[in-house]
Amino acid sequence: MLGTASPTFASDIGGVSATANPVANSSGSVTNQAIQVLQGPYVTNTYGNGISCQGPTMNVTPFLTGNIAVKRPYEDTYMDPVYNNVDADNDDVPDNPGQILYYKPVRTGQKDSSTLSLGVSATWSKPMDKKLQEQCKQAAQANINLMNQAVANKRLDFEIARLKNCGELMKAGIIFRPGTEYAKVCADVILINPPGVVANHTHTLQPNLPPPVADGKASDLKTISIGSK
């Protein structure tokens, strides 16, 4: 009678596993954080008539970043059993296999982590050609002066028109009632006679009497003496 048998290997010794089962675990995490600074365009001032000047620009960017890594459930230690490996008869088999004598605490190394970053980034941009900047400023100032002069001309036209209309209305005998809201429109206008024009006026005339004639009387002597004074 023939038979076949496959080899068998002991998988445990006295209830203690003897099978090689190496396990290697590794874990990790990488967090990349970056702050991007975007440089904006130059500050542009427009003054009208197509005049626009670009000046230096400063960009200030404060930032605050943070990261928190939390592991749950959190266990700072675990209890590792210690087995009874006593072999009193030296047969390479523990006398009490699987017997747990006690538990010892083992640190897990588990921990939470947090990061906080606070800072400020700044950039300074300035045009290189200083001469062009000065010319642009001069053109801007000239345009501002031109606008101010145009406003002054409009003001002068308004005042002359007000003076003319108020004077013509005064000559026609038309005025605002004193003390009313619009009486102040012509309050500083004075109507006078133009040069070479005599205004209407009156004079008081004294009668022109002939001088007295002496007739040889005593009264004539008094009259003459009075007239000589």
C-alpha atoms as a PDB file:
ATOM      1  CA  MET A   1       0.000   0.000   0.000  1.00  0.00           C
ATOM      2  CA  LEU A   2       1.456   3.276  -1.096  1.00  0.00           C
ATOM      3  CA  GLY A   3       0.609   6.659   0.325  1.00  0.00           C
ATOM      4  CA  THR A   4       1.713  10.211  -0.048  1.00  0.00           C
ATOM      5  CA  ALA A   5       2.143  12.803   2.564  1.00  0.00           C
ATOM      6  CA  SER A   6       2.929  16.479   2.416  1.00  0.00           C
ATOM      7  CA  PRO A   7       5.360  17.974   4.878  1.00  0.00           C
ATOM      8  CA  THR A   8       3.890  19.893   7.749  1.00  0.00           C
ATOM      9  CA  PHE A   9       5.514  22.587   9.827  1.00  0.00           C
ATOM     10  CA  ALA A  10       4.781  23.605  13.301  1.00  0.00           C
ATOM     11  CA  SER A  11       2.954  26.881  13.320  1.00  0.00           C
ATOM     12  CA  ASP A  12       3.093  27.334  17.006  1.00  0.00           C
ATOM     13  CA  ILE A  13       5.107  26.230  19.966  1.00  0.00           C
ATOM     14  CA  GLY A  14       3.161  25.705  23.094  1.00  0.00           C
ATOM     15  CA  GLY A  15       0.387  27.970  21.899  1.00  0.00           C
ATOM     16  CA  VAL A  16       2.811  30.732  21.019  1.00  0.00           C
ATOM     17  CA  SER A  17       2.824  31.589  17.328  1.00  0.00           C
ATOM     18  CA  ALA A  18       6.108  30.867  15.610  1.00  0.00           C
ATOM     19  CA  THR A  19       5.092  32.019  12.145  1.00  0.00           C
ATOM     20  CA  ALA A  20       7.181  34.834  10.830  1.00  0.00           C
ATOM     21  CA  ASN A  21       4.887  37.681   9.985  1.00  0.00           C
ATOM     22  CA  PRO A  22       6.954  40.834   9.661  1.00  0.00           C
ATOM     23  CA  VAL A  23       4.895  43.957   9.238  1.00  0.00           C
ATOM     24  CA  ALA A  24       6.333  47.359   8.514  1.00  0.00           C
ATOM     25  CA  ASN A  25       3.986  50.330   8.473  1.00  0.00           C
ATOM     26  CA  SER A  26       4.985  53.859   7.739  1.00  0.00           C
ATOM     27  CA  SER A  27       2.814  56.902   7.444  1.00  0.00           C
ATOM     28  CA  GLY A  28       3.453  60.549   6.977  1.00  0.00           C
ATOM     29  CA  SER A  29       1.902  63.732   5.699  1.00  0.00           C
ATOM     30  CA  VAL A  30       3.356  66.777   4.091  1.00  0.00           C
ATOM     31  CA  THR A  31       1.559  70.134   4.010  1.00  0.00           C
ATOM     32  CA  ASN A  32       2.839  72.813   1.711  1.00  0.00           C
ATOM     33  CA  GLN A  33       1.709  76.380   2.336  1.00  0.00           C
ATOM     34  CA  ALA A  34       2.796  79.342   0.310  1.00  0.00           C
ATOM     35  CA  ILE A  35       2.031  83.053   0.296  1.00  0.00           C
ATOM     36  CA  GLN A  36       1.602  84.559  -3.147  1.00  0.00           C
ATOM     37  CA  VAL A  37       2.191  88.280  -3.514  1.00  0.00           C
ATOM     38  CA  LEU A  38       0.533  89.739  -6.568  1.00  0.00           C
ATOM     39  CA  GLN A  39       2.004  93.038  -7.662  1.00  0.00           C
ATOM     40  CA  GLY A  40      -0.749  95.337  -8.793  1.00  0.00           C
ATOM     41  CA  PRO A  41      -0.559  98.015 -11.486  1.00  0.00           C
ATOM     42  CA  TYR A  42       0.809 101.463 -10.845  1.00  0.00           C
ATOM     43  CA  VAL A  43      -1.531 103.972  -9.269  1.00  0.00           C
ATOM     44  CA  THR A  44      -2.802 106.161 -12.133  1.00  0.00           C
ATOM     45  CA  ASN A  45      -4.124 109.698 -11.620  1.00  0.00           C
ATOM     46  CA  THR A  46      -6.193 111.259 -14.418  1.00  0.00           C
ATOM     47  CA  TYR A  47      -6.413 115.052 -14.787  1.00  0.00           C
ATOM     48  CA  GLY A  48      -8.547 115.410 -17.906  1.00  0.00           C
ATOM     49  CA  ASN A  49      -7.625 116.177 -21.502  1.00  0.00           C
ATOM     50  CA  GLY A  50      -5.983 112.767 -21.753  1.00  0.00           C
ATOM     51  CA  ILE A  51      -3.408 113.514 -19.028  1.00  0.00           C
ATOM     52  CA  SER A  52      -2.748 110.601 -16.700  1.00  0.00           C
ATOM     53  CA  CYS A  53       0.300 110.107 -14.499  1.00  0.00           C
ATOM     54  CA  GLN A  54       1.489 106.915 -12.869  1.00  0.00           C
ATOM     55  CA  GLY A  55       3.141 107.184  -9.502  1.00  0.00           C
ATOM     56  CA  PRO A  56       5.032 104.794  -7.251  1.00  0.00           C
ATOM     57  CA  THR A  57       3.012 101.929  -5.807  1.00  0.00           C
ATOM     58  CA  MET A  58       3.440 100.123  -2.526  1.00  0.00           C
ATOM     59  CA  ASN A  59       1.581  96.870  -1.871  1.00  0.00           C
ATOM     60  CA  VAL A  60       1.357  95.606   1.700  1.00  0.00           C
ATOM     61  CA  THR A  61      -0.215  92.196   2.254  1.00  0.00           C
ATOM     62  CA  PRO A  62      -0.614  90.872   5.796  1.00  0.00           C
ATOM     63  CA  PHE A  63      -1.275  87.165   6.084  1.00  0.00           C
ATOM     64  CA  LEU A  64      -2.199  84.637   8.732  1.00  0.00           C
ATOM     65  CA  THR A  65      -2.096  80.917   8.084  1.00  0.00           C
ATOM     66  CA  GLY A  66      -2.617  77.965  10.353  1.00  0.00           C
ATOM     67  CA  ASN A  67      -2.829  74.203  10.290  1.00  0.00           C
ATOM     68  CA  ILE A  68      -4.161  71.769  12.887  1.00  0.00           C
ATOM     69  CA  ALA A  69      -3.746  67.982  12.652  1.00  0.00           C
ATOM     70  CA  VAL A  70      -5.916  65.996  15.063  1.00  0.00           C
ATOM     71  CA  LYS A  71      -6.057  62.210  15.480  1.00  0.00           C
ATOM     72  CA  ARG A  72      -9.158  60.609  16.924  1.00  0.00           C
ATOM     73  CA  PRO A  73      -9.598  58.628  19.046  1.00  0.00           C
ATOM     74  CA  TYR A  74      -6.673  59.939  20.979  1.00  0.00           C
ATOM     75  CA  GLU A  75      -4.695  57.361  22.993  1.00  0.00           C
ATOM     76  CA  ASP A  76      -1.456  58.400  24.599  1.00  0.00           C
ATOM     77  CA  THR A  77      -0.676  54.829  25.861  1.00  0.00           C
ATOM     78  CA  TYR A  78      -1.856  51.263  25.418  1.00  0.00           C
ATOM     79  CA  MET A  79      -1.527  48.249  27.716  1.00  0.00           C
ATOM     80  CA  ASP A  80       0.882  45.641  26.380  1.00  0.00           C
ATOM     81  CA  PRO A  81       0.515  42.108  27.916  1.00  0.00           C
ATOM     82  CA  VAL A  82       3.594  40.381  29.360  1.00  0.00           C
ATOM     83  CA  TYR A  83       3.435  36.557  28.970  1.00  0.00           C
ATOM     84  CA  ASN A  84       4.856  33.845  31.250  1.00  0.00           C
ATOM     85  CA  ASN A  85       7.840  32.356  29.407  1.00  0.00           C
ATOM     86  CA  VAL A  86       9.143  30.217  32.241  1.00  0.00           C
ATOM     87  CA  ASP A  87      10.594  26.856  30.987  1.00  0.00           C
ATOM     88  CA  ALA A  88      11.493  24.925  34.109  1.00  0.00           C
ATOM     89  CA  ASP A  89      12.139  21.579  32.360  1.00  0.00           C
ATOM     90  CA  ASN A  90      14.232  23.117  29.588  1.00  0.00           C
ATOM     91  CA  ASP A  91      12.197  21.562  26.800  1.00  0.00           C
ATOM     92  CA  ASP A  92      12.047  24.833  24.920  1.00  0.00           C
ATOM     93  CA  VAL A  93       8.349  24.970  25.599  1.00  0.00           C
ATOM     94  CA  PRO A  94       6.953  27.474  28.116  1.00  0.00           C
ATOM     95  CA  ASP A  95       5.455  25.768  31.109  1.00  0.00           C
ATOM     96  CA  ASN A  96       2.395  28.039  31.029  1.00  0.00           C
ATOM     97  CA  PRO A  97       2.017  29.157  27.411  1.00  0.00           C
ATOM     98  CA  GLY A  98      -0.295  32.077  26.872  1.00  0.00           C
ATOM     99  CA  GLN A  99      -0.377  33.034  30.512  1.00  0.00           C
ATOM    100  CA  ILE A 100      -0.398  36.810  30.983  1.00  0.00           C
ATOM    101  CA  LEU A 101       1.489  37.920  33.984  1.00  0.00           C
ATOM    102  CA  TYR A 102       0.661  41.603  33.840  1.00  0.00           C
ATOM    103  CA  TYR A 103       0.173  44.552  31.495  1.00  0.00           C
ATOM    104  CA  LYS A 104       2.626  47.319  31.022  1.00  0.00           C
ATOM    105  CA  PRO A 105       1.770  50.750  29.584  1.00  0.00           C
ATOM    106  CA  VAL A 106       3.441  51.639  26.331  1.00  0.00           C
ATOM    107  CA  ARG A 107       3.426  55.152  24.891  1.00  0.00           C
ATOM    108  CA  THR A 108       1.820  55.370  21.475  1.00  0.00           C
ATOM    109  CA  GLY A 109       3.553  58.567  20.453  1.00  0.00           C
ATOM    110  CA  GLN A 110       0.235  59.844  19.159  1.00  0.00           C
ATOM    111  CA  LYS A 111      -0.104  63.601  19.365  1.00  0.00           C
ATOM    112  CA  ASP A 112      -1.921  66.508  17.811  1.00  0.00           C
ATOM    113  CA  SER A 113      -0.003  69.118  15.907  1.00  0.00           C
ATOM    114  CA  SER A 114      -0.751  72.742  15.048  1.00  0.00           C
ATOM    115  CA  THR A 115       1.080  75.476  13.198  1.00  0.00           C
ATOM    116  CA  LEU A 116       0.472  79.208  13.010  1.00  0.00           C
ATOM    117  CA  SER A 117       2.196  81.664  10.690  1.00  0.00           C
ATOM    118  CA  LEU A 118       1.782  85.414  10.871  1.00  0.00           C
ATOM    119  CA  GLY A 119       3.577  87.920   8.685  1.00  0.00           C
ATOM    120  CA  VAL A 120       3.463  90.793   6.255  1.00  0.00           C
ATOM    121  CA  SER A 121       4.741  90.929   2.712  1.00  0.00           C
ATOM    122  CA  ALA A 122       5.391  94.205   0.922  1.00  0.00           C
ATOM    123  CA  THR A 123       6.481  95.305  -2.533  1.00  0.00           C
ATOM    124  CA  TRP A 124       7.583  98.744  -3.743  1.00  0.00           C
ATOM    125  CA  SER A 125       7.311  99.708  -7.404  1.00  0.00           C
ATOM    126  CA  LYS A 126       8.580 102.974  -8.852  1.00  0.00           C
ATOM    127  CA  PRO A 127       8.894 104.125 -12.478  1.00  0.00           C
ATOM    128  CA  MET A 128      12.481 104.379 -13.634  1.00  0.00           C
ATOM    129  CA  ASP A 129      12.234 107.479 -15.871  1.00  0.00           C
ATOM    130  CA  LYS A 130      12.041 110.436 -13.502  1.00  0.00           C
ATOM    131  CA  LYS A 131      12.004 113.012 -16.316  1.00  0.00           C
ATOM    132  CA  LEU A 132       8.755 111.665 -17.748  1.00  0.00           C
ATOM    133  CA  GLN A 133       7.202 111.810 -14.306  1.00  0.00           C
ATOM    134  CA  GLU A 134       8.144 115.476 -13.889  1.00  0.00           C
ATOM    135  CA  GLN A 135       6.801 116.368 -17.333  1.00  0.00           C
ATOM    136  CA  CYS A 136       3.545 114.608 -16.557  1.00  0.00           C
ATOM    137  CA  LYS A 137       3.258 116.552 -13.297  1.00  0.00           C
ATOM    138  CA  GLN A 138       3.888 119.834 -15.111  1.00  0.00           C
ATOM    139  CA  ALA A 139       1.241 118.985 -17.713  1.00  0.00           C
ATOM    140  CA  ALA A 140      -1.190 118.077 -14.960  1.00  0.00           C
ATOM    141  CA  GLN A 141      -0.563 121.370 -13.128  1.00  0.00           C
ATOM    142  CA  ALA A 142      -0.963 123.371 -16.351  1.00  0.00           C
ATOM    143  CA  ASN A 143      -4.268 121.638 -17.029  1.00  0.00           C
ATOM    144  CA  ILE A 144      -5.449 122.379 -13.490  1.00  0.00           C
ATOM    145  CA  ASN A 145      -4.544 126.072 -13.944  1.00  0.00           C
ATOM    146  CA  LEU A 146      -6.457 126.098 -17.227  1.00  0.00           C
ATOM    147  CA  MET A 147      -9.541 124.649 -15.570  1.00  0.00           C
ATOM    148  CA  ASN A 148      -9.315 127.183 -12.727  1.00  0.00           C
ATOM    149  CA  GLN A 149      -9.060 130.027 -15.237  1.00  0.00           C
ATOM    150  CA  ALA A 150     -12.085 128.704 -17.132  1.00  0.00           C
ATOM    151  CA  VAL A 151     -14.048 128.673 -13.886  1.00  0.00           C
ATOM    152  CA  ALA A 152     -12.932 132.253 -13.136  1.00  0.00           C
ATOM    153  CA  ASN A 153     -14.043 133.367 -16.615  1.00  0.00           C
ATOM    154  CA  LYS A 154     -17.444 131.788 -16.106  1.00  0.00           C
ATOM    155  CA  ARG A 155     -17.719 133.555 -12.764  1.00  0.00           C
ATOM    156  CA  LEU A 156     -16.828 136.893 -14.340  1.00  0.00           C
ATOM    157  CA  ASP A 157     -19.422 136.395 -17.087  1.00  0.00           C
ATOM    158  CA  PHE A 158     -22.037 135.647 -14.453  1.00  0.00           C
ATOM    159  CA  GLU A 159     -21.221 138.728 -12.369  1.00  0.00           C
ATOM    160  CA  ILE A 160     -21.238 141.055 -15.408  1.00  0.00           C
ATOM    161  CA  ALA A 161     -24.563 139.631 -16.566  1.00  0.00           C
ATOM    162  CA  ARG A 162     -26.002 140.133 -13.082  1.00  0.00           C
ATOM    163  CA  LEU A 163     -24.730 143.715 -12.937  1.00  0.00           C
ATOM    164  CA  LYS A 164     -26.167 144.531 -16.364  1.00  0.00           C
ATOM    165  CA  ASN A 165     -29.577 143.016 -15.749  1.00  0.00           C
ATOM    166  CA  CYS A 166     -29.911 144.558 -12.300  1.00  0.00           C
ATOM    167  CA  GLY A 167     -28.912 148.010 -13.635  1.00  0.00           C
ATOM    168  CA  GLU A 168     -31.382 147.848 -16.516  1.00  0.00           C
ATOM    169  CA  LEU A 169     -34.174 146.795 -14.199  1.00  0.00           C
ATOM    170  CA  MET A 170     -33.338 149.607 -11.772  1.00  0.00           C
ATOM    171  CA  LYS A 171     -33.452 152.159 -14.606  1.00  0.00           C
ATOM    172  CA  ALA A 172     -36.868 150.775 -15.502  1.00  0.00           C
ATOM    173  CA  GLY A 173     -37.997 151.181 -11.887  1.00  0.00           C
ATOM    174  CA  ILE A 174     -38.163 147.427 -11.230  1.00  0.00           C
ATOM    175  CA  ILE A 175     -36.494 146.055  -8.102  1.00  0.00           C
ATOM    176  CA  PHE A 176     -37.025 143.214  -5.681  1.00  0.00           C
ATOM    177  CA  ARG A 177     -38.889 144.051  -2.550  1.00  0.00           C
ATOM    178  CA  PRO A 178     -36.296 144.813   0.155  1.00  0.00           C
ATOM    179  CA  GLY A 179     -35.894 142.015   2.682  1.00  0.00           C
ATOM    180  CA  THR A 180     -37.142 139.265   0.379  1.00  0.00           C
ATOM    181  CA  GLU A 181     -35.166 136.174  -0.557  1.00  0.00           C
ATOM    182  CA  TYR A 182     -33.964 137.384  -3.958  1.00  0.00           C
ATOM    183  CA  ALA A 183     -33.412 141.037  -3.025  1.00  0.00           C
ATOM    184  CA  LYS A 184     -29.788 140.167  -2.242  1.00  0.00           C
ATOM    185  CA  VAL A 185     -29.221 139.321  -5.925  1.00  0.00           C
ATOM    186  CA  CYS A 186     -28.990 143.030  -6.749  1.00  0.00           C
ATOM    187  CA  ALA A 187     -28.121 144.290  -3.255  1.00  0.00           C
ATOM    188  CA  ASP A 188     -24.582 145.329  -4.233  1.00  0.00           C
ATOM    189  CA  VAL A 189     -25.571 147.024  -7.523  1.00  0.00           C
ATOM    190  CA  ILE A 190     -25.601 150.849  -7.517  1.00  0.00           C
ATOM    191  CA  LEU A 191     -27.201 152.915 -10.274  1.00  0.00           C
ATOM    192  CA  ILE A 192     -25.287 156.163 -11.055  1.00  0.00           C
ATOM    193  CA  ASN A 193     -25.242 158.664 -13.929  1.00  0.00           C
ATOM    194  CA  PRO A 194     -22.878 157.836 -16.759  1.00  0.00           C
ATOM    195  CA  PRO A 195     -20.051 160.341 -17.497  1.00  0.00           C
ATOM    196  CA  GLY A 196     -21.211 163.524 -19.350  1.00  0.00           C
ATOM    197  CA  VAL A 197     -24.844 163.116 -18.391  1.00  0.00           C
ATOM    198  CA  VAL A 198     -26.336 165.674 -15.965  1.00  0.00           C
ATOM    199  CA  ALA A 199     -28.961 164.309 -13.673  1.00  0.00           C
ATOM    200  CA  ASN A 200     -32.235 166.119 -13.059  1.00  0.00           C
ATOM    201  CA  HIS A 201     -31.748 168.787 -10.392  1.00  0.00           C
ATOM    202  CA  THR A 202     -33.143 172.199  -9.152  1.00  0.00           C
ATOM    203  CA  HIS A 203     -31.496 175.462  -8.035  1.00  0.00           C
ATOM    204  CA  THR A 204     -32.769 178.303  -5.799  1.00  0.00           C
ATOM    205  CA  LEU A 205     -32.207 181.710  -7.543  1.00  0.00           C
ATOM    206  CA  GLN A 206     -31.933 185.023  -5.651  1.00  0.00           C
ATOM    207  CA  PRO A 207     -33.515 188.154  -7.311  1.00  0.00           C
ATOM    208  CA  ASN A 208     -30.925 190.496  -8.880  1.00  0.00           C
ATOM    209  CA  LEU A 209     -31.965 194.045  -7.644  1.00  0.00           C
ATOM    210  CA  PRO A 210     -30.339 197.276  -8.996  1.00  0.00           C
ATOM    211  CA  PRO A 211     -28.102 199.254  -6.589  1.00  0.00           C
ATOM    212  CA  PRO A 212     -29.740 202.217  -4.738  1.00  0.00           C
ATOM    213  CA  VAL A 213     -29.297 205.778  -6.178  1.00  0.00           C
ATOM    214  CA  ALA A 214     -28.270 208.678  -3.805  1.00  0.00           C
ATOM    215  CA  ASP A 215     -30.698 211.651  -3.758  1.00  0.00           C
ATOM    216  CA  GLY A 216     -28.937 213.800  -1.151  1.00  0.00           C
ATOM    217  CA  LYS A 217     -30.946 212.595   1.828  1.00  0.00           C
ATOM    218  CA  ALA A 218     -29.600 211.456   5.142  1.00  0.00           C
ATOM    219  CA  SER A 219     -30.902 207.942   4.475  1.00  0.00           C
ATOM    220  CA  ASP A 220     -28.681 207.765   1.417  1.00  0.00           C
ATOM    221  CA  LEU A 221     -25.595 208.283   3.544  1.00  0.00           C
ATOM    222  CA  LYS A 222     -26.535 205.280   5.651  1.00  0.00           C
ATOM    223  CA  THR A 223     -27.171 203.210   2.563  1.00  0.00           C
ATOM    224  CA  ILE A 224     -23.834 204.145   1.060  1.00  0.00           C
ATOM    225  CA  SER A 225     -22.007 203.449   4.295  1.00  0.00           C
ATOM    226  CA  ILE A 226     -23.602 200.036   4.490  1.00  0.00           C
ATOM    227  CA  GLY A 227     -22.785 199.264   0.896  1.00  0.00           C
ATOM    228  CA  SER A 228     -19.105 200.119   1.447  1.00  0.00           C
ATOM    229  CA  LYS A 229     -18.680 197.440   4.058  1.00  0.00           C
END
